[in-house]
């Protein structure tokens, strides 16, 4: 529905941007900084 109204280049860049954001999010969740452990355990 939206793809017929938006310029194809703009739509492609939006989709690529969403893909990069999702990739960065999951990469950060998997390999991000470890959480600090406070306490004796």
PDB file of N, CA and C in Angstrom:
ATOM      1  N   UNK A   1       0.832  -1.190   0.000  1.00  0.00           N
ATOM      2  CA  UNK A   1       0.000   0.000   0.000  1.00  0.00           C
ATOM      3  C   UNK A   1       0.877   1.256   0.000  1.00  0.00           C
ATOM      4  N   UNK A   2       1.871   1.286   0.884  1.00  0.00           N
ATOM      5  CA  UNK A   2       2.729   2.460   0.978  1.00  0.00           C
ATOM      6  C   UNK A   2       3.778   2.487  -0.127  1.00  0.00           C
ATOM      7  N   UNK A   3       4.182   1.310  -0.601  1.00  0.00           N
ATOM      8  CA  UNK A   3       5.257   1.251  -1.594  1.00  0.00           C
ATOM      9  C   UNK A   3       4.869   1.908  -2.922  1.00  0.00           C
ATOM     10  N   UNK A   4       3.604   2.005  -3.238  1.00  0.00           N
ATOM     11  CA  UNK A   4       3.185   2.646  -4.477  1.00  0.00           C
ATOM     12  C   UNK A   4       3.223   4.163  -4.403  1.00  0.00           C
ATOM     13  N   UNK A   5       3.217   4.721  -3.194  1.00  0.00           N
ATOM     14  CA  UNK A   5       3.172   6.172  -3.013  1.00  0.00           C
ATOM     15  C   UNK A   5       4.534   6.785  -2.721  1.00  0.00           C
ATOM     16  N   UNK A   6       5.486   5.982  -2.286  1.00  0.00           N
ATOM     17  CA  UNK A   6       6.810   6.477  -1.907  1.00  0.00           C
ATOM     18  C   UNK A   6       7.801   6.166  -3.020  1.00  0.00           C
ATOM     19  N   UNK A   7       8.739   7.074  -3.209  1.00  0.00           N
ATOM     20  CA  UNK A   7       9.787   6.871  -4.219  1.00  0.00           C
ATOM     21  C   UNK A   7      10.575   5.613  -3.853  1.00  0.00           C
ATOM     22  N   UNK A   8      10.875   4.736  -4.812  1.00  0.00           N
ATOM     23  CA  UNK A   8      11.556   3.467  -4.514  1.00  0.00           C
ATOM     24  C   UNK A   8      12.898   3.629  -3.806  1.00  0.00           C
ATOM     25  N   UNK A   9      13.658   4.658  -4.151  1.00  0.00           N
ATOM     26  CA  UNK A   9      14.958   4.861  -3.503  1.00  0.00           C
ATOM     27  C   UNK A   9      14.779   5.208  -2.038  1.00  0.00           C
ATOM     28  N   UNK A  10      13.799   6.031  -1.738  1.00  0.00           N
ATOM     29  CA  UNK A  10      13.540   6.409  -0.346  1.00  0.00           C
ATOM     30  C   UNK A  10      13.093   5.187   0.446  1.00  0.00           C
ATOM     31  N   UNK A  11      12.195   4.406  -0.112  1.00  0.00           N
ATOM     32  CA  UNK A  11      11.718   3.208   0.567  1.00  0.00           C
ATOM     33  C   UNK A  11      12.853   2.217   0.797  1.00  0.00           C
ATOM     34  N   UNK A  12      13.716   2.057  -0.199  1.00  0.00           N
ATOM     35  CA  UNK A  12      14.859   1.148  -0.065  1.00  0.00           C
ATOM     36  C   UNK A  12      15.778   1.602   1.057  1.00  0.00           C
ATOM     37  N   UNK A  13      16.043   2.892   1.147  1.00  0.00           N
ATOM     38  CA  UNK A  13      16.926   3.408   2.207  1.00  0.00           C
ATOM     39  C   UNK A  13      16.300   3.248   3.587  1.00  0.00           C
ATOM     40  N   UNK A  14      14.987   3.398   3.681  1.00  0.00           N
ATOM     41  CA  UNK A  14      14.314   3.197   4.962  1.00  0.00           C
ATOM     42  C   UNK A  14      14.420   1.740   5.396  1.00  0.00           C
ATOM     43  N   UNK A  15      14.198   0.821   4.468  1.00  0.00           N
ATOM     44  CA  UNK A  15      14.281  -0.602   4.791  1.00  0.00           C
ATOM     45  C   UNK A  15      15.705  -0.978   5.189  1.00  0.00           C
ATOM     46  N   UNK A  16      16.689  -0.473   4.476  1.00  0.00           N
ATOM     47  CA  UNK A  16      18.090  -0.748   4.815  1.00  0.00           C
ATOM     48  C   UNK A  16      18.425  -0.161   6.181  1.00  0.00           C
ATOM     49  N   UNK A  17      17.934   1.036   6.463  1.00  0.00           N
ATOM     50  CA  UNK A  17      18.176   1.656   7.765  1.00  0.00           C
ATOM     51  C   UNK A  17      17.584   0.844   8.902  1.00  0.00           C
ATOM     52  N   UNK A  18      16.365   0.350   8.707  1.00  0.00           N
ATOM     53  CA  UNK A  18      15.743  -0.487   9.733  1.00  0.00           C
ATOM     54  C   UNK A  18      16.551  -1.767   9.934  1.00  0.00           C
ATOM     55  N   UNK A  19      17.056  -2.325   8.848  1.00  0.00           N
ATOM     56  CA  UNK A  19      17.885  -3.524   8.957  1.00  0.00           C
ATOM     57  C   UNK A  19      19.170  -3.276   9.733  1.00  0.00           C
ATOM     58  N   UNK A  20      19.817  -2.137   9.480  1.00  0.00           N
ATOM     59  CA  UNK A  20      21.038  -1.807  10.216  1.00  0.00           C
ATOM     60  C   UNK A  20      20.757  -1.585  11.694  1.00  0.00           C
ATOM     61  N   UNK A  21      19.660  -0.911  12.000  1.00  0.00           N
ATOM     62  CA  UNK A  21      19.314  -0.663  13.403  1.00  0.00           C
ATOM     63  C   UNK A  21      19.023  -1.981  14.121  1.00  0.00           C
ATOM     64  N   UNK A  22      18.273  -2.869  13.483  1.00  0.00           N
ATOM     65  CA  UNK A  22      17.971  -4.164  14.096  1.00  0.00           C
ATOM     66  C   UNK A  22      19.242  -4.986  14.290  1.00  0.00           C
ATOM     67  N   UNK A  23      20.136  -4.961  13.303  1.00  0.00           N
ATOM     68  CA  UNK A  23      21.392  -5.695  13.414  1.00  0.00           C
ATOM     69  C   UNK A  23      22.244  -5.144  14.553  1.00  0.00           C
ATOM     70  N   UNK A  24      22.349  -3.826  14.640  1.00  0.00           N
ATOM     71  CA  UNK A  24      23.139  -3.209  15.711  1.00  0.00           C
ATOM     72  C   UNK A  24      22.546  -3.534  17.082  1.00  0.00           C
ATOM     73  N   UNK A  25      21.223  -3.521  17.184  1.00  0.00           N
ATOM     74  CA  UNK A  25      20.571  -3.821  18.461  1.00  0.00           C
ATOM     75  C   UNK A  25      20.898  -5.240  18.914  1.00  0.00           C
ATOM     76  N   UNK A  26      20.713  -6.207  18.024  1.00  0.00           N
ATOM     77  CA  UNK A  26      20.964  -7.591  18.407  1.00  0.00           C
ATOM     78  C   UNK A  26      22.454  -7.857  18.616  1.00  0.00           C
ATOM     79  N   UNK A  27      23.319  -7.200  17.862  1.00  0.00           N
ATOM     80  CA  UNK A  27      24.758  -7.338  18.083  1.00  0.00           C
ATOM     81  C   UNK A  27      25.125  -6.807  19.461  1.00  0.00           C
ATOM     82  N   UNK A  28      24.554  -5.669  19.836  1.00  0.00           N
ATOM     83  CA  UNK A  28      24.830  -5.065  21.141  1.00  0.00           C
ATOM     84  C   UNK A  28      24.312  -5.971  22.261  1.00  0.00           C
ATOM     85  N   UNK A  29      23.118  -6.548  22.090  1.00  0.00           N
ATOM     86  CA  UNK A  29      22.565  -7.430  23.119  1.00  0.00           C
ATOM     87  C   UNK A  29      23.421  -8.681  23.281  1.00  0.00           C
ATOM     88  N   UNK A  30      24.023  -9.169  22.202  1.00  0.00           N
ATOM     89  CA  UNK A  30      24.806 -10.395  22.266  1.00  0.00           C
ATOM     90  C   UNK A  30      26.237 -10.141  22.723  1.00  0.00           C
ATOM     91  N   UNK A  31      26.869  -9.085  22.189  1.00  0.00           N
ATOM     92  CA  UNK A  31      28.284  -8.845  22.452  1.00  0.00           C
ATOM     93  C   UNK A  31      28.546  -7.561  23.208  1.00  0.00           C
ATOM     94  N   UNK A  32      27.534  -6.916  23.750  1.00  0.00           N
ATOM     95  CA  UNK A  32      27.687  -5.626  24.410  1.00  0.00           C
ATOM     96  C   UNK A  32      28.509  -5.724  25.689  1.00  0.00           C
ATOM     97  N   UNK A  33      28.634  -4.593  26.338  1.00  0.00           N
ATOM     98  CA  UNK A  33      29.400  -4.546  27.568  1.00  0.00           C
ATOM     99  C   UNK A  33      28.733  -5.418  28.638  1.00  0.00           C
ATOM    100  N   UNK A  34      29.535  -6.130  29.408  1.00  0.00           N
ATOM    101  CA  UNK A  34      28.933  -6.961  30.462  1.00  0.00           C
ATOM    102  C   UNK A  34      28.350  -6.083  31.558  1.00  0.00           C
ATOM    103  N   UNK A  35      27.307  -6.587  32.182  1.00  0.00           N
ATOM    104  CA  UNK A  35      26.689  -5.847  33.263  1.00  0.00           C
ATOM    105  C   UNK A  35      27.570  -5.937  34.494  1.00  0.00           C
ATOM    106  N   UNK A  36      27.708  -4.827  35.239  1.00  0.00           N
ATOM    107  CA  UNK A  36      28.556  -4.873  36.445  1.00  0.00           C
ATOM    108  C   UNK A  36      27.905  -5.721  37.532  1.00  0.00           C
ATOM    109  N   UNK A  37      28.721  -6.518  38.195  1.00  0.00           N
ATOM    110  CA  UNK A  37      28.234  -7.354  39.284  1.00  0.00           C
ATOM    111  C   UNK A  37      28.629  -6.701  40.596  1.00  0.00           C
ATOM    112  N   UNK A  38      27.646  -6.332  41.370  1.00  0.00           N
ATOM    113  CA  UNK A  38      27.890  -5.673  42.664  1.00  0.00           C
ATOM    114  C   UNK A  38      27.439  -6.641  43.744  1.00  0.00           C
ATOM    115  N   UNK A  39      28.321  -6.891  44.687  1.00  0.00           N
ATOM    116  CA  UNK A  39      27.984  -7.793  45.776  1.00  0.00           C
ATOM    117  C   UNK A  39      28.930  -8.970  45.827  1.00  0.00           C
ATOM    118  N   UNK A  40      28.625  -9.909  46.690  1.00  0.00           N
ATOM    119  CA  UNK A  40      29.512 -11.035  46.914  1.00  0.00           C
ATOM    120  C   UNK A  40      29.354 -12.166  45.926  1.00  0.00           C
ATOM    121  N   UNK A  41      28.297 -12.185  45.137  1.00  0.00           N
ATOM    122  CA  UNK A  41      28.076 -13.311  44.243  1.00  0.00           C
ATOM    123  C   UNK A  41      28.647 -13.101  42.894  1.00  0.00           C
TER     124      UNK A  41
END
